[in-house]
Amino acid sequence: MLSRYRSVIKKGNSSCRFLSENLNVEVAQNFPKDTRVQVIENCTIKKIHQTNKKVTGVETDQGIIKCEYFVNCAGFWARGVGQLSEPYVKVPLHAVEHYYLHTKPLPSLDAMLPASSKERQLPEDWDHFHVLLEQLIHSVPSLDNAVLDKLCNRPEAFSPDCKWIVGEAPEIRNYLIAA
C-alpha cells in the first residue's frame, strides 16, 4: 500500500497513520527524512477530521494531528476506527472469537503445522468450545487419546468475503484502509 502512495508522500505532503503494535512499520519508518512521514503511536484516536469529505487531521488523547492522509490499519479494531469519522467510514469486518487447541505431540499427526506468534488472548471458554471439540474428535479420531495442553482463544476479524480490505474509503478522500 505504501508503494502505491509513495509518490504522494515524496511531493512533501505530511502523512498521519494509526498503527497497532503488531504491525510491521519498518518501511514507513525508514523513509528518508525529507518525505515528512510521521508515525504516531501509543495514543488513543478520538476522531478523524475532514473538510469537504477530505481528511484534514486526527484528534487523539494527545491533541490534534494535522495530516493529509490517514491509514486505518487497526486490524480487529478497524471497523470501530471507521466509526470515529463523520460520515462514518464503513469497514465491513465482523469481530469473532477464534479458538485453537494445543495438544501434546501426536505421532500420527505432522508436527510441522504453522505456528503463530503470541497475540492478545481472550478467556478460555470450554463450554463454548466443547461442540467444536466433539466435531474435531469425530473428524480426527486419534485426537480422542490426545493430552489437551491449552485452549487458546484469540480475537479475529473477517470481511464478508474473507478477503483483505485495502484501498481508499469511498466516504472520505485520503482515508486509506488496510484491514
N, C-alpha and C. Protein backbone atom coordinates (compact mmCIF):
# COMPACT_ATOMS: atom_id res chain seq x y z
N MET A 1 0.81 -1.18 0.00
CA MET A 1 0.00 0.00 0.00
C MET A 1 0.86 1.25 0.00
N LEU A 2 1.94 1.25 0.79
CA LEU A 2 2.81 2.43 0.82
C LEU A 2 3.42 2.69 -0.55
N SER A 3 3.75 1.61 -1.29
CA SER A 3 4.35 1.83 -2.61
C SER A 3 3.37 2.53 -3.54
N ARG A 4 2.09 2.27 -3.39
CA ARG A 4 1.08 2.91 -4.23
C ARG A 4 1.02 4.42 -3.97
N TYR A 5 1.23 4.84 -2.73
CA TYR A 5 1.10 6.24 -2.36
C TYR A 5 2.45 6.92 -2.12
N ARG A 6 3.56 6.23 -2.40
CA ARG A 6 4.90 6.79 -2.19
C ARG A 6 5.08 8.10 -2.97
N SER A 7 4.55 8.18 -4.19
CA SER A 7 4.72 9.40 -4.99
C SER A 7 4.02 10.59 -4.33
N VAL A 8 2.91 10.36 -3.69
CA VAL A 8 2.20 11.43 -2.98
C VAL A 8 3.05 11.92 -1.82
N ILE A 9 3.63 10.99 -1.09
CA ILE A 9 4.45 11.34 0.07
C ILE A 9 5.71 12.08 -0.38
N LYS A 10 6.31 11.68 -1.49
CA LYS A 10 7.54 12.32 -1.97
C LYS A 10 7.32 13.78 -2.36
N LYS A 11 6.08 14.16 -2.64
CA LYS A 11 5.81 15.55 -3.02
C LYS A 11 5.86 16.49 -1.83
N GLY A 12 6.15 15.97 -0.65
CA GLY A 12 6.29 16.83 0.52
C GLY A 12 5.06 16.87 1.40
N ASN A 13 4.05 16.09 1.08
CA ASN A 13 2.87 16.07 1.94
C ASN A 13 3.18 15.32 3.22
N SER A 14 2.58 15.75 4.31
CA SER A 14 2.75 15.00 5.55
C SER A 14 1.77 13.84 5.55
N SER A 15 2.04 12.87 6.36
CA SER A 15 1.19 11.68 6.42
C SER A 15 1.00 11.28 7.87
N CYS A 16 -0.21 10.97 8.23
CA CYS A 16 -0.50 10.52 9.59
C CYS A 16 -1.10 9.14 9.47
N ARG A 17 -0.63 8.21 10.30
CA ARG A 17 -1.12 6.84 10.22
C ARG A 17 -1.38 6.30 11.61
N PHE A 18 -2.46 5.54 11.77
CA PHE A 18 -2.71 4.84 13.01
C PHE A 18 -2.04 3.48 12.88
N LEU A 19 -1.26 3.11 13.88
CA LEU A 19 -0.55 1.84 13.83
C LEU A 19 -0.80 1.06 15.10
N SER A 20 -1.12 -0.20 14.97
CA SER A 20 -1.25 -1.05 16.13
C SER A 20 0.10 -1.71 16.37
N GLU A 21 0.38 -2.14 17.59
CA GLU A 21 1.72 -2.61 17.92
C GLU A 21 2.12 -3.89 17.20
N ASN A 22 1.18 -4.60 16.59
CA ASN A 22 1.54 -5.84 15.93
C ASN A 22 1.79 -5.67 14.43
N LEU A 23 1.86 -4.45 13.95
CA LEU A 23 2.10 -4.23 12.52
C LEU A 23 3.57 -3.94 12.26
N ASN A 24 4.03 -4.34 11.09
CA ASN A 24 5.41 -4.06 10.70
C ASN A 24 5.44 -2.68 10.05
N VAL A 25 6.15 -1.74 10.67
CA VAL A 25 6.16 -0.37 10.18
C VAL A 25 7.54 0.06 9.69
N GLU A 26 8.45 -0.88 9.49
CA GLU A 26 9.81 -0.53 9.09
C GLU A 26 9.84 0.28 7.80
N VAL A 27 8.98 -0.03 6.83
CA VAL A 27 9.02 0.68 5.56
C VAL A 27 8.79 2.17 5.78
N ALA A 28 7.74 2.52 6.52
CA ALA A 28 7.44 3.94 6.76
C ALA A 28 8.50 4.59 7.62
N GLN A 29 9.01 3.88 8.60
CA GLN A 29 9.99 4.47 9.49
C GLN A 29 11.34 4.68 8.81
N ASN A 30 11.59 3.96 7.72
CA ASN A 30 12.88 4.07 7.04
C ASN A 30 12.84 5.01 5.83
N PHE A 31 11.71 5.70 5.61
CA PHE A 31 11.68 6.70 4.53
C PHE A 31 12.70 7.78 4.84
N PRO A 32 13.30 8.35 3.81
CA PRO A 32 14.23 9.47 4.06
C PRO A 32 13.53 10.59 4.82
N LYS A 33 14.29 11.34 5.60
CA LYS A 33 13.72 12.39 6.45
C LYS A 33 12.94 13.45 5.66
N ASP A 34 13.34 13.70 4.41
CA ASP A 34 12.67 14.76 3.64
C ASP A 34 11.26 14.38 3.18
N THR A 35 10.81 13.14 3.39
CA THR A 35 9.46 12.76 2.99
C THR A 35 8.41 13.25 3.98
N ARG A 36 8.82 13.65 5.15
CA ARG A 36 7.94 14.16 6.20
C ARG A 36 6.89 13.14 6.65
N VAL A 37 7.19 11.85 6.51
CA VAL A 37 6.30 10.82 7.04
C VAL A 37 6.44 10.84 8.55
N GLN A 38 5.31 10.85 9.23
CA GLN A 38 5.33 10.87 10.69
C GLN A 38 4.53 9.68 11.19
N VAL A 39 5.15 8.84 12.00
CA VAL A 39 4.48 7.69 12.59
C VAL A 39 4.10 8.08 14.01
N ILE A 40 2.80 8.03 14.30
CA ILE A 40 2.30 8.38 15.63
C ILE A 40 1.82 7.09 16.28
N GLU A 41 2.36 6.78 17.45
CA GLU A 41 2.00 5.55 18.15
C GLU A 41 1.60 5.86 19.59
N ASN A 42 1.07 4.85 20.26
CA ASN A 42 0.76 4.90 21.69
C ASN A 42 -0.16 6.06 22.05
N CYS A 43 -1.21 6.24 21.27
CA CYS A 43 -2.21 7.25 21.59
C CYS A 43 -3.58 6.68 21.24
N THR A 44 -4.61 7.29 21.77
CA THR A 44 -5.98 6.86 21.50
C THR A 44 -6.61 7.81 20.50
N ILE A 45 -7.16 7.25 19.42
CA ILE A 45 -7.82 8.07 18.41
C ILE A 45 -9.23 8.38 18.91
N LYS A 46 -9.58 9.66 18.87
CA LYS A 46 -10.92 10.09 19.29
C LYS A 46 -11.80 10.43 18.09
N LYS A 47 -11.20 11.00 17.04
CA LYS A 47 -11.98 11.43 15.89
C LYS A 47 -11.06 11.65 14.69
N ILE A 48 -11.58 11.33 13.50
CA ILE A 48 -10.88 11.64 12.25
C ILE A 48 -11.55 12.90 11.70
N HIS A 49 -10.78 13.96 11.50
CA HIS A 49 -11.33 15.22 11.00
C HIS A 49 -11.29 15.24 9.47
N GLN A 50 -12.30 15.89 8.88
CA GLN A 50 -12.34 16.05 7.43
C GLN A 50 -13.03 17.37 7.10
N THR A 51 -12.67 17.91 5.96
CA THR A 51 -13.33 19.09 5.42
C THR A 51 -13.63 18.79 3.96
N ASN A 52 -14.87 19.04 3.56
CA ASN A 52 -15.31 18.75 2.19
C ASN A 52 -15.00 17.30 1.81
N LYS A 53 -15.25 16.40 2.75
CA LYS A 53 -15.05 14.96 2.56
C LYS A 53 -13.61 14.60 2.20
N LYS A 54 -12.65 15.30 2.80
CA LYS A 54 -11.22 15.00 2.62
C LYS A 54 -10.54 15.09 3.99
N VAL A 55 -9.70 14.11 4.30
CA VAL A 55 -9.01 14.05 5.60
C VAL A 55 -8.22 15.34 5.84
N THR A 56 -8.34 15.88 7.07
CA THR A 56 -7.55 17.06 7.45
C THR A 56 -6.76 16.84 8.73
N GLY A 57 -7.14 15.82 9.52
CA GLY A 57 -6.41 15.59 10.76
C GLY A 57 -7.02 14.48 11.59
N VAL A 58 -6.33 14.18 12.68
CA VAL A 58 -6.77 13.14 13.60
C VAL A 58 -6.71 13.70 15.01
N GLU A 59 -7.81 13.58 15.73
CA GLU A 59 -7.84 14.01 17.12
C GLU A 59 -7.50 12.82 18.00
N THR A 60 -6.48 12.97 18.84
CA THR A 60 -6.06 11.89 19.74
C THR A 60 -6.12 12.39 21.18
N ASP A 61 -5.84 11.49 22.11
CA ASP A 61 -5.79 11.88 23.51
C ASP A 61 -4.58 12.77 23.79
N GLN A 62 -3.68 12.91 22.81
CA GLN A 62 -2.51 13.77 22.96
C GLN A 62 -2.64 15.06 22.15
N GLY A 63 -3.82 15.29 21.57
CA GLY A 63 -4.05 16.51 20.79
C GLY A 63 -4.42 16.19 19.35
N ILE A 64 -4.56 17.24 18.55
CA ILE A 64 -4.94 17.10 17.15
C ILE A 64 -3.67 17.06 16.29
N ILE A 65 -3.64 16.10 15.38
CA ILE A 65 -2.52 15.95 14.46
C ILE A 65 -3.04 16.28 13.07
N LYS A 66 -2.54 17.33 12.46
CA LYS A 66 -2.96 17.69 11.10
C LYS A 66 -2.27 16.75 10.12
N CYS A 67 -3.04 16.28 9.15
CA CYS A 67 -2.47 15.40 8.13
C CYS A 67 -3.33 15.45 6.88
N GLU A 68 -2.75 15.04 5.78
CA GLU A 68 -3.47 14.98 4.51
C GLU A 68 -3.95 13.57 4.20
N TYR A 69 -3.31 12.57 4.81
CA TYR A 69 -3.67 11.17 4.60
C TYR A 69 -3.77 10.49 5.95
N PHE A 70 -4.70 9.55 6.06
CA PHE A 70 -4.86 8.74 7.26
C PHE A 70 -5.00 7.29 6.80
N VAL A 71 -4.26 6.38 7.42
CA VAL A 71 -4.35 4.96 7.09
C VAL A 71 -4.92 4.23 8.29
N ASN A 72 -6.09 3.66 8.12
CA ASN A 72 -6.73 2.86 9.15
C ASN A 72 -6.26 1.42 8.97
N CYS A 73 -5.24 1.05 9.73
CA CYS A 73 -4.73 -0.33 9.67
C CYS A 73 -4.84 -0.93 11.07
N ALA A 74 -6.01 -0.76 11.66
CA ALA A 74 -6.24 -1.18 13.04
C ALA A 74 -6.66 -2.64 13.17
N GLY A 75 -6.66 -3.38 12.06
CA GLY A 75 -6.97 -4.80 12.12
C GLY A 75 -8.33 -5.07 12.76
N PHE A 76 -8.33 -5.84 13.82
CA PHE A 76 -9.54 -6.22 14.55
C PHE A 76 -10.40 -5.01 14.90
N TRP A 77 -9.79 -3.87 15.13
CA TRP A 77 -10.49 -2.67 15.57
C TRP A 77 -10.78 -1.70 14.42
N ALA A 78 -10.51 -2.07 13.17
CA ALA A 78 -10.65 -1.15 12.03
C ALA A 78 -12.08 -0.64 11.86
N ARG A 79 -13.07 -1.49 12.10
CA ARG A 79 -14.47 -1.06 11.97
C ARG A 79 -14.78 0.05 12.97
N GLY A 80 -14.33 -0.12 14.21
CA GLY A 80 -14.55 0.89 15.24
C GLY A 80 -13.84 2.19 14.92
N VAL A 81 -12.63 2.11 14.37
CA VAL A 81 -11.91 3.33 13.98
C VAL A 81 -12.66 4.03 12.85
N GLY A 82 -13.25 3.26 11.94
CA GLY A 82 -14.05 3.85 10.85
C GLY A 82 -15.23 4.65 11.37
N GLN A 83 -15.74 4.28 12.53
CA GLN A 83 -16.89 4.98 13.11
C GLN A 83 -16.48 6.25 13.86
N LEU A 84 -15.19 6.56 13.86
CA LEU A 84 -14.72 7.78 14.52
C LEU A 84 -14.68 8.98 13.58
N SER A 85 -15.25 8.83 12.39
CA SER A 85 -15.29 9.95 11.44
C SER A 85 -16.75 10.26 11.11
N GLU A 86 -16.96 11.44 10.58
CA GLU A 86 -18.30 11.84 10.15
C GLU A 86 -18.18 12.33 8.72
N PRO A 87 -18.74 11.66 7.72
CA PRO A 87 -19.55 10.46 7.88
C PRO A 87 -18.71 9.25 8.27
N TYR A 88 -19.39 8.24 8.84
CA TYR A 88 -18.69 7.00 9.19
C TYR A 88 -18.04 6.42 7.95
N VAL A 89 -16.84 5.88 8.11
CA VAL A 89 -16.21 5.10 7.06
C VAL A 89 -16.58 3.65 7.34
N LYS A 90 -17.25 3.04 6.38
CA LYS A 90 -17.73 1.67 6.57
C LYS A 90 -16.60 0.68 6.29
N VAL A 91 -16.20 -0.05 7.31
CA VAL A 91 -15.20 -1.11 7.17
C VAL A 91 -15.92 -2.41 7.51
N PRO A 92 -16.32 -3.19 6.50
CA PRO A 92 -17.16 -4.36 6.75
C PRO A 92 -16.39 -5.54 7.34
N LEU A 93 -16.03 -5.42 8.61
CA LEU A 93 -15.38 -6.51 9.33
C LEU A 93 -16.32 -7.01 10.42
N HIS A 94 -16.28 -8.29 10.67
CA HIS A 94 -17.07 -8.88 11.74
C HIS A 94 -16.10 -9.48 12.76
N ALA A 95 -16.18 -9.00 13.99
CA ALA A 95 -15.29 -9.49 15.04
C ALA A 95 -15.81 -10.81 15.59
N VAL A 96 -14.91 -11.77 15.73
CA VAL A 96 -15.29 -13.08 16.25
C VAL A 96 -14.19 -13.61 17.16
N GLU A 97 -14.55 -14.62 17.93
CA GLU A 97 -13.55 -15.36 18.70
C GLU A 97 -13.00 -16.44 17.79
N HIS A 98 -11.72 -16.72 17.92
CA HIS A 98 -11.07 -17.73 17.09
C HIS A 98 -10.35 -18.69 18.03
N TYR A 99 -10.90 -19.89 18.17
CA TYR A 99 -10.32 -20.87 19.08
C TYR A 99 -9.32 -21.76 18.36
N TYR A 100 -8.32 -22.19 19.08
CA TYR A 100 -7.50 -23.31 18.65
C TYR A 100 -7.00 -24.02 19.89
N LEU A 101 -6.65 -25.27 19.71
CA LEU A 101 -6.33 -26.14 20.83
C LEU A 101 -4.90 -26.64 20.72
N HIS A 102 -4.16 -26.56 21.80
CA HIS A 102 -2.81 -27.13 21.87
C HIS A 102 -2.92 -28.52 22.47
N THR A 103 -2.20 -29.46 21.90
CA THR A 103 -2.11 -30.80 22.48
C THR A 103 -0.64 -31.13 22.64
N LYS A 104 -0.36 -32.17 23.38
CA LYS A 104 0.99 -32.71 23.39
C LYS A 104 1.21 -33.37 22.03
N PRO A 105 2.46 -33.54 21.57
CA PRO A 105 2.71 -34.11 20.24
C PRO A 105 2.01 -35.46 20.04
N LEU A 106 1.46 -35.64 18.84
CA LEU A 106 0.82 -36.90 18.46
C LEU A 106 1.63 -37.55 17.35
N PRO A 107 2.03 -38.80 17.50
CA PRO A 107 2.83 -39.45 16.46
C PRO A 107 2.09 -39.57 15.12
N SER A 108 0.76 -39.59 15.15
CA SER A 108 0.00 -39.77 13.91
C SER A 108 -0.24 -38.47 13.14
N LEU A 109 0.16 -37.31 13.71
CA LEU A 109 -0.05 -36.03 13.02
C LEU A 109 1.28 -35.35 12.74
N ASP A 110 1.34 -34.64 11.62
CA ASP A 110 2.54 -33.91 11.23
C ASP A 110 2.81 -32.78 12.22
N ALA A 111 4.00 -32.74 12.78
CA ALA A 111 4.36 -31.72 13.77
C ALA A 111 4.72 -30.39 13.12
N MET A 112 4.80 -30.33 11.81
CA MET A 112 5.22 -29.11 11.12
C MET A 112 4.04 -28.22 10.73
N LEU A 113 3.02 -28.16 11.56
CA LEU A 113 1.89 -27.26 11.31
C LEU A 113 2.34 -25.83 11.58
N PRO A 114 1.76 -24.85 10.89
CA PRO A 114 2.17 -23.46 11.12
C PRO A 114 1.91 -23.03 12.56
N ALA A 115 2.81 -22.24 13.08
CA ALA A 115 2.67 -21.73 14.45
C ALA A 115 2.49 -20.22 14.38
N SER A 116 1.73 -19.68 15.31
CA SER A 116 1.53 -18.23 15.34
C SER A 116 2.29 -17.61 16.50
N SER A 117 2.56 -16.32 16.38
CA SER A 117 3.23 -15.61 17.46
C SER A 117 2.21 -15.27 18.55
N LYS A 118 2.73 -14.90 19.70
CA LYS A 118 1.84 -14.54 20.81
C LYS A 118 1.08 -13.27 20.46
N GLU A 119 -0.21 -13.32 20.65
CA GLU A 119 -1.07 -12.17 20.42
C GLU A 119 -1.95 -12.01 21.64
N ARG A 120 -2.84 -11.06 21.61
CA ARG A 120 -3.76 -10.91 22.73
C ARG A 120 -4.60 -12.17 22.87
N GLN A 121 -4.84 -12.55 24.08
CA GLN A 121 -5.59 -13.77 24.38
C GLN A 121 -6.92 -13.39 25.01
N LEU A 122 -8.00 -14.02 24.56
CA LEU A 122 -9.30 -13.89 25.20
C LEU A 122 -9.44 -15.04 26.19
N PRO A 123 -10.36 -14.93 27.15
CA PRO A 123 -10.51 -16.00 28.15
C PRO A 123 -10.93 -17.33 27.51
N GLU A 124 -10.47 -18.42 28.11
CA GLU A 124 -10.91 -19.75 27.68
C GLU A 124 -12.40 -19.89 27.94
N ASP A 125 -13.08 -20.63 27.09
CA ASP A 125 -14.49 -20.93 27.29
C ASP A 125 -14.72 -22.36 26.81
N TRP A 126 -14.41 -23.32 27.68
CA TRP A 126 -14.51 -24.73 27.31
C TRP A 126 -15.93 -25.12 26.96
N ASP A 127 -16.92 -24.55 27.64
CA ASP A 127 -18.31 -24.87 27.32
C ASP A 127 -18.64 -24.46 25.88
N HIS A 128 -18.17 -23.31 25.48
CA HIS A 128 -18.40 -22.82 24.12
C HIS A 128 -17.64 -23.67 23.10
N PHE A 129 -16.42 -24.07 23.44
CA PHE A 129 -15.56 -24.82 22.52
C PHE A 129 -15.93 -26.30 22.43
N HIS A 130 -16.64 -26.82 23.43
CA HIS A 130 -16.90 -28.26 23.52
C HIS A 130 -17.56 -28.82 22.25
N VAL A 131 -18.50 -28.10 21.67
CA VAL A 131 -19.17 -28.56 20.45
C VAL A 131 -18.15 -28.74 19.32
N LEU A 132 -17.24 -27.79 19.19
CA LEU A 132 -16.20 -27.90 18.16
C LEU A 132 -15.25 -29.06 18.45
N LEU A 133 -14.92 -29.25 19.72
CA LEU A 133 -14.02 -30.34 20.11
C LEU A 133 -14.63 -31.69 19.76
N GLU A 134 -15.92 -31.87 20.02
CA GLU A 134 -16.58 -33.13 19.67
C GLU A 134 -16.51 -33.39 18.17
N GLN A 135 -16.76 -32.35 17.37
CA GLN A 135 -16.70 -32.50 15.91
C GLN A 135 -15.27 -32.78 15.44
N LEU A 136 -14.30 -32.14 16.10
CA LEU A 136 -12.89 -32.35 15.76
C LEU A 136 -12.48 -33.80 16.04
N ILE A 137 -12.86 -34.31 17.20
CA ILE A 137 -12.53 -35.71 17.54
C ILE A 137 -13.22 -36.67 16.59
N HIS A 138 -14.44 -36.35 16.18
CA HIS A 138 -15.14 -37.19 15.21
C HIS A 138 -14.38 -37.21 13.88
N SER A 139 -13.84 -36.06 13.47
CA SER A 139 -13.12 -35.96 12.19
C SER A 139 -11.70 -36.53 12.26
N VAL A 140 -11.05 -36.38 13.42
CA VAL A 140 -9.68 -36.86 13.62
C VAL A 140 -9.69 -37.75 14.86
N PRO A 141 -10.06 -39.02 14.71
CA PRO A 141 -10.23 -39.89 15.87
C PRO A 141 -9.01 -40.02 16.77
N SER A 142 -7.80 -39.88 16.23
CA SER A 142 -6.61 -40.02 17.07
C SER A 142 -6.54 -38.92 18.14
N LEU A 143 -7.26 -37.84 17.96
CA LEU A 143 -7.28 -36.78 18.98
C LEU A 143 -8.00 -37.21 20.25
N ASP A 144 -8.78 -38.28 20.17
CA ASP A 144 -9.50 -38.76 21.35
C ASP A 144 -8.53 -39.17 22.46
N ASN A 145 -7.32 -39.59 22.07
CA ASN A 145 -6.31 -40.00 23.05
C ASN A 145 -5.29 -38.90 23.34
N ALA A 146 -5.48 -37.74 22.76
CA ALA A 146 -4.52 -36.65 22.94
C ALA A 146 -4.64 -36.05 24.34
N VAL A 147 -3.50 -35.62 24.87
CA VAL A 147 -3.48 -34.90 26.14
C VAL A 147 -3.68 -33.42 25.79
N LEU A 148 -4.80 -32.87 26.23
CA LEU A 148 -5.08 -31.47 25.92
C LEU A 148 -4.16 -30.59 26.76
N ASP A 149 -3.44 -29.72 26.08
CA ASP A 149 -2.44 -28.89 26.74
C ASP A 149 -3.03 -27.53 27.12
N LYS A 150 -3.63 -26.85 26.16
CA LYS A 150 -4.11 -25.50 26.42
C LYS A 150 -5.12 -25.12 25.34
N LEU A 151 -6.20 -24.47 25.73
CA LEU A 151 -7.17 -23.93 24.78
C LEU A 151 -6.87 -22.44 24.62
N CYS A 152 -6.69 -22.02 23.39
CA CYS A 152 -6.39 -20.61 23.12
C CYS A 152 -7.58 -19.98 22.42
N ASN A 153 -7.88 -18.76 22.78
CA ASN A 153 -8.98 -18.02 22.20
C ASN A 153 -8.45 -16.64 21.83
N ARG A 154 -8.32 -16.36 20.56
CA ARG A 154 -7.73 -15.11 20.09
C ARG A 154 -8.78 -14.31 19.30
N PRO A 155 -8.67 -12.99 19.32
CA PRO A 155 -9.60 -12.19 18.51
C PRO A 155 -9.23 -12.24 17.03
N GLU A 156 -10.22 -12.30 16.19
CA GLU A 156 -10.04 -12.25 14.74
C GLU A 156 -11.14 -11.38 14.17
N ALA A 157 -10.96 -10.89 12.98
CA ALA A 157 -11.99 -10.14 12.27
C ALA A 157 -12.00 -10.59 10.82
N PHE A 158 -13.19 -10.73 10.27
CA PHE A 158 -13.33 -11.22 8.90
C PHE A 158 -14.24 -10.29 8.11
N SER A 159 -13.90 -10.08 6.84
CA SER A 159 -14.77 -9.35 5.93
C SER A 159 -15.80 -10.35 5.41
N PRO A 160 -16.92 -9.88 4.84
CA PRO A 160 -17.94 -10.81 4.35
C PRO A 160 -17.41 -11.84 3.35
N ASP A 161 -16.44 -11.46 2.51
CA ASP A 161 -15.90 -12.40 1.53
C ASP A 161 -14.57 -13.01 1.97
N CYS A 162 -14.17 -12.75 3.22
CA CYS A 162 -12.94 -13.28 3.81
C CYS A 162 -11.68 -12.79 3.09
N LYS A 163 -11.76 -11.66 2.43
CA LYS A 163 -10.60 -11.08 1.76
C LYS A 163 -10.19 -9.80 2.46
N TRP A 164 -8.99 -9.33 2.18
CA TRP A 164 -8.49 -8.09 2.77
C TRP A 164 -9.31 -6.91 2.27
N ILE A 165 -9.37 -5.88 3.09
CA ILE A 165 -9.99 -4.62 2.70
C ILE A 165 -8.85 -3.61 2.58
N VAL A 166 -8.52 -3.26 1.34
CA VAL A 166 -7.37 -2.39 1.09
C VAL A 166 -7.76 -1.35 0.05
N GLY A 167 -7.51 -0.09 0.36
CA GLY A 167 -7.76 0.97 -0.60
C GLY A 167 -8.34 2.21 0.05
N GLU A 168 -8.73 3.16 -0.79
CA GLU A 168 -9.29 4.42 -0.29
C GLU A 168 -10.77 4.24 0.02
N ALA A 169 -11.19 4.78 1.17
CA ALA A 169 -12.60 4.72 1.57
C ALA A 169 -13.43 5.60 0.65
N PRO A 170 -14.60 5.14 0.20
CA PRO A 170 -15.43 5.97 -0.67
C PRO A 170 -16.05 7.17 0.05
N GLU A 171 -16.14 7.10 1.38
CA GLU A 171 -16.81 8.16 2.13
C GLU A 171 -15.95 9.41 2.30
N ILE A 172 -14.61 9.24 2.45
CA ILE A 172 -13.72 10.37 2.71
C ILE A 172 -12.44 10.18 1.89
N ARG A 173 -12.09 11.19 1.09
CA ARG A 173 -10.86 11.11 0.30
C ARG A 173 -9.64 11.13 1.21
N ASN A 174 -8.60 10.44 0.80
CA ASN A 174 -7.32 10.33 1.52
C ASN A 174 -7.45 9.56 2.83
N TYR A 175 -8.56 8.87 3.02
CA TYR A 175 -8.75 7.97 4.16
C TYR A 175 -8.51 6.58 3.59
N LEU A 176 -7.39 5.98 3.94
CA LEU A 176 -7.00 4.69 3.38
C LEU A 176 -7.25 3.59 4.39
N ILE A 177 -7.62 2.42 3.90
CA ILE A 177 -7.91 1.27 4.76
C ILE A 177 -6.98 0.13 4.38
N ALA A 178 -6.41 -0.51 5.39
CA ALA A 178 -5.62 -1.73 5.21
C ALA A 178 -6.01 -2.67 6.34
N ALA A 179 -7.09 -3.41 6.13
CA ALA A 179 -7.62 -4.29 7.19
C ALA A 179 -7.84 -5.70 6.67
